[in-house]
Protein backbone atom coordinates (compact mmCIF):
# COMPACT_ATOMS: atom_id res chain seq x y z
CA MET A 1 -0.43 -32.95 -40.84
CA THR A 2 0.28 -31.67 -37.79
CA LEU A 3 3.63 -30.05 -36.10
CA LEU A 4 4.65 -32.25 -33.32
CA GLU A 5 3.81 -35.80 -35.28
CA PRO A 6 6.86 -37.55 -35.70
CA HIS A 7 7.91 -36.39 -39.22
CA ASN A 8 7.80 -33.19 -37.92
CA MET A 9 9.81 -33.37 -34.85
CA PRO A 10 13.03 -31.74 -35.60
CA PHE A 11 11.21 -28.55 -37.38
CA ALA A 12 8.88 -28.80 -34.55
CA ALA A 13 12.00 -28.32 -31.95
CA ALA A 14 13.75 -25.74 -34.26
CA LEU A 15 10.96 -23.53 -34.05
CA ALA A 16 10.60 -23.62 -30.52
CA VAL A 17 14.33 -23.28 -30.30
CA MET A 18 13.93 -20.14 -32.04
CA LEU A 19 11.14 -18.58 -30.38
CA ILE A 20 13.44 -18.77 -26.99
CA LEU A 21 16.28 -17.21 -28.61
CA ALA A 22 13.87 -14.99 -29.85
CA LEU A 23 12.92 -14.32 -26.67
CA LEU A 24 15.97 -14.03 -25.57
CA GLN A 25 16.70 -11.14 -27.93
CA VAL A 26 13.41 -8.93 -27.21
CA ILE A 27 13.66 -8.60 -23.45
CA GLY A 28 18.00 -8.19 -24.09
CA LEU A 29 19.37 -10.90 -23.04
CA GLY A 30 20.15 -12.17 -26.54
CA ASP A 31 23.68 -10.20 -26.86
CA PHE A 32 25.52 -13.60 -26.30
CA ASP A 33 29.45 -13.13 -26.66
CA VAL A 34 30.16 -15.90 -29.01
CA ASP A 35 33.15 -16.61 -31.48
CA ALA A 36 33.75 -18.43 -33.91
CA ASP A 37 37.05 -20.00 -33.56
CA PHE A 38 37.87 -19.68 -36.93
CA ASP A 39 39.19 -17.32 -39.71
CA ALA A 40 35.64 -15.22 -39.31
CA GLU A 41 36.89 -13.67 -36.46
CA ALA A 42 39.56 -11.86 -38.24
CA THR A 43 36.75 -10.94 -41.33
CA VAL A 44 33.05 -10.93 -39.96
CA GLY A 45 32.28 -6.92 -40.05
CA ASP A 46 35.60 -6.51 -41.86
CA PRO A 47 34.12 -5.68 -45.71
CA THR A 48 38.11 -5.49 -46.68
CA ALA A 49 38.75 -8.94 -45.72
CA THR A 50 39.71 -11.66 -48.25
CA GLY A 51 40.48 -15.35 -47.86
CA ILE A 52 38.97 -18.60 -47.56
CA GLY A 53 37.49 -17.13 -44.18
CA GLY A 54 36.47 -14.10 -45.46
CA ALA A 55 34.67 -15.55 -48.73
CA ILE A 56 32.53 -17.89 -46.68
CA THR A 57 31.16 -15.12 -44.02
CA SER A 58 30.14 -13.36 -47.24
CA LEU A 59 28.64 -16.27 -48.40
CA LEU A 60 26.54 -17.33 -45.31
CA GLY A 61 25.74 -13.72 -44.70
CA LEU A 62 27.37 -13.80 -41.47
CA GLY A 63 28.89 -10.12 -41.59
CA ARG A 64 25.84 -8.19 -42.17
CA VAL A 65 24.18 -9.49 -38.56
CA PRO A 66 25.30 -10.53 -34.97
CA LEU A 67 25.32 -14.50 -35.11
CA PHE A 68 22.39 -14.20 -32.55
CA VAL A 69 20.04 -12.96 -35.29
CA TRP A 70 21.80 -14.87 -37.64
CA LEU A 71 21.13 -18.12 -35.72
CA ILE A 72 17.20 -17.52 -35.46
CA ALA A 73 16.92 -16.78 -39.01
CA PHE A 74 18.30 -20.63 -39.92
CA LEU A 75 16.28 -22.17 -37.13
CA LEU A 76 12.93 -20.18 -38.92
CA SER A 77 14.21 -21.19 -42.24
CA PHE A 78 14.93 -24.53 -41.29
CA ALA A 79 11.70 -25.27 -39.76
CA THR A 80 9.76 -23.72 -42.44
CA ILE A 81 11.24 -25.36 -45.31
CA GLY A 82 11.58 -29.20 -43.49
CA MET A 83 7.62 -29.13 -42.78
CA SER A 84 7.40 -27.68 -46.56
CA ILE A 85 9.15 -30.51 -47.86
CA GLN A 86 7.03 -32.83 -46.04
CA ALA A 87 3.96 -31.39 -46.76
CA LEU A 88 4.71 -31.82 -50.72
CA ALA A 89 5.95 -35.48 -49.82
CA SER A 90 2.82 -36.39 -48.30
CA ASP A 91 1.08 -34.99 -51.02
CA LEU A 92 2.93 -36.62 -53.77
CA THR A 93 3.30 -39.96 -52.47
CA GLY A 94 1.27 -40.19 -49.64
CA SER A 95 3.36 -40.27 -47.24
CA PRO A 96 6.48 -37.84 -45.69
CA LEU A 97 10.25 -38.52 -46.04
CA TYR A 98 12.37 -40.29 -43.32
CA VAL A 99 13.37 -37.54 -40.73
CA TRP A 100 16.89 -37.71 -41.41
CA LEU A 101 16.51 -37.02 -44.90
CA ALA A 102 14.43 -34.21 -44.74
CA ALA A 103 16.25 -32.68 -42.27
CA VAL A 104 19.28 -33.07 -44.30
CA ILE A 105 17.80 -31.06 -47.31
CA ALA A 106 16.07 -28.83 -44.95
CA GLY A 107 19.59 -27.89 -43.40
CA GLY A 108 21.11 -27.77 -47.22
CA ALA A 109 18.21 -25.26 -48.29
CA SER A 110 18.03 -23.09 -45.43
CA ILE A 111 21.92 -22.16 -45.44
CA PRO A 112 21.23 -20.07 -48.97
CA VAL A 113 18.37 -18.79 -47.88
CA THR A 114 19.05 -17.36 -44.07
CA ALA A 115 22.29 -15.65 -46.18
CA MET A 116 19.48 -13.70 -48.76
CA LEU A 117 17.39 -12.88 -45.38
CA ALA A 118 20.47 -11.59 -43.71
CA ARG A 119 20.68 -8.91 -46.43
CA PRO A 120 17.29 -7.17 -45.35
CA ILE A 121 17.62 -7.55 -42.22
CA GLY A 122 21.13 -6.24 -41.94
CA ALA A 123 19.51 -3.11 -43.65
CA ILE A 124 16.82 -2.65 -41.01
CA MET A 125 18.49 -3.09 -37.90
CA PRO A 126 20.02 0.19 -35.41
CA LYS A 127 23.28 1.00 -36.19
CA ASP A 128 24.02 1.89 -33.66
CA GLU A 129 23.92 -1.27 -31.44
CA THR A 130 27.36 -2.21 -32.67
CA SER A 131 29.19 0.94 -31.63
CA ALA A 132 28.02 1.69 -28.32
CA VAL A 133 30.79 -0.94 -26.96
CA GLY A 134 33.10 -0.62 -23.80
CA LEU A 135 36.31 -0.62 -24.19
CA ASP A 136 36.77 -2.89 -20.53
CA SER A 137 34.54 -5.22 -23.28
CA LEU A 138 37.29 -6.06 -25.24
CA VAL A 139 39.03 -7.64 -22.45
CA GLY A 140 39.09 -11.19 -23.46
CA LYS A 141 39.19 -11.21 -26.96
CA ARG A 142 41.57 -12.01 -29.54
CA GLY A 143 43.54 -9.75 -31.68
CA THR A 144 46.41 -9.38 -34.25
CA VAL A 145 49.25 -6.95 -33.74
CA THR A 146 49.21 -4.60 -36.93
CA THR A 147 51.55 -2.26 -36.57
CA GLY A 148 55.19 -2.37 -34.42
CA ARG A 149 56.86 -4.19 -31.73
CA ALA A 150 54.87 -4.95 -28.77
CA ALA A 151 57.31 -4.54 -25.30
CA LYS A 152 57.27 -3.35 -21.64
CA GLY A 153 56.91 0.29 -21.93
CA SER A 154 56.11 0.46 -25.69
CA PRO A 155 52.68 -1.00 -26.99
CA ALA A 156 51.98 -1.59 -30.88
CA ARG A 157 48.95 -1.21 -32.32
CA THR A 158 46.65 -4.75 -32.49
CA ARG A 159 43.48 -4.80 -34.28
CA VAL A 160 40.39 -6.42 -31.87
CA TYR A 161 36.78 -7.05 -32.96
CA ASP A 162 34.23 -6.75 -30.70
CA ARG A 163 31.27 -9.18 -29.82
CA HIS A 164 29.12 -7.72 -32.89
CA GLY A 165 32.20 -8.14 -35.87
CA GLN A 166 33.16 -4.46 -35.12
CA ALA A 167 37.29 -3.80 -35.49
CA HIS A 168 38.54 -2.02 -32.66
CA HIS A 169 42.65 -0.38 -33.01
CA VAL A 170 44.27 -0.61 -29.60
CA MET A 171 47.70 -0.17 -28.08
CA VAL A 172 49.03 -3.53 -26.48
CA GLU A 173 51.89 -4.42 -24.49
CA PRO A 174 52.74 -7.53 -23.41
CA HIS A 175 51.00 -9.13 -20.00
CA GLU A 176 54.43 -10.58 -19.30
CA ASP A 177 57.07 -8.28 -18.92
CA ALA A 178 60.07 -10.28 -20.46
CA SER A 179 57.72 -10.95 -23.38
CA GLU A 180 57.10 -9.36 -26.34
CA MET A 181 55.24 -9.49 -29.31
CA LEU A 182 55.86 -8.60 -33.30
CA GLU A 183 53.56 -7.58 -36.15
CA GLY A 184 51.32 -10.45 -37.09
CA ASP A 185 51.25 -12.34 -33.65
CA GLU A 186 47.95 -13.42 -32.36
CA VAL A 187 47.45 -12.06 -28.91
CA LEU A 188 44.64 -12.27 -26.08
CA LEU A 189 43.85 -9.62 -24.31
CA VAL A 190 43.72 -10.13 -20.76
CA ARG A 191 43.76 -6.44 -18.89
CA ARG A 192 43.49 -3.03 -19.36
CA GLU A 193 44.89 -0.01 -17.42
CA GLY A 194 43.68 3.11 -19.48
CA GLN A 195 43.52 3.31 -22.83
CA THR A 196 46.65 0.37 -22.84
CA PHE A 197 45.56 -3.40 -23.16
CA PHE A 198 47.73 -6.06 -21.86
CA ALA A 199 48.15 -9.37 -23.71
CA VAL A 200 49.40 -12.93 -23.80
CA PRO A 201 50.27 -14.78 -27.63
CA LEU A 202 48.38 -17.41 -28.44
CA ALA A 203 51.21 -19.26 -29.70
CA GLU A 204 54.25 -19.47 -29.43
CA ARG A 205 56.52 -17.72 -31.89
CA LYS A 206 58.77 -20.56 -33.65
CA LEU A 207 62.53 -19.69 -34.17
CA SER A 208 64.35 -20.65 -37.38
CA PRO A 209 67.19 -23.52 -36.36
CA LEU A 210 70.83 -21.99 -35.87
CA ASN A 211 73.33 -23.03 -38.38
């Protein structure tokens, strides 16, 4: 059974993508700024996070390694498990499984395997990589106002996560002079002046109807 046989094509493709990603990581082009649009943005890298988002990211092992590294580990697991399934099926029945069935089984099995791999990988990765993040890299990130009311000339403390999942607490004012942002509001950092960031709200605040 060879890697390029039709029943192994999804796994061969996964290996090819994994090798490309690994090469990009080695030459320093692998720290792509990928933001997950679910609750992981507010929980990755925060060991005290709770809720569904925190449980999911903890279960997947996403908080232990950068997303790019996690994806490489997942593709390797998927390819290895998938080819092993096909080889075992051929030995037991004389023919491999349907490609889609093998891919589904391998995909499901790869998630817990990748989560287990994330722990030792995260333990050996250099820890100083996530601390050397310039403030300008936070522009374009989402954040949450945690303390105070942000208004013109009156910044509020806001928590924002960098591309590595590390939390930063910065002072934020509204980008529009007439705007304001309250505790709990989700905002988008659009520019920086010195130590102060300027942001726009991600959603309009719902006002209670007048009685």
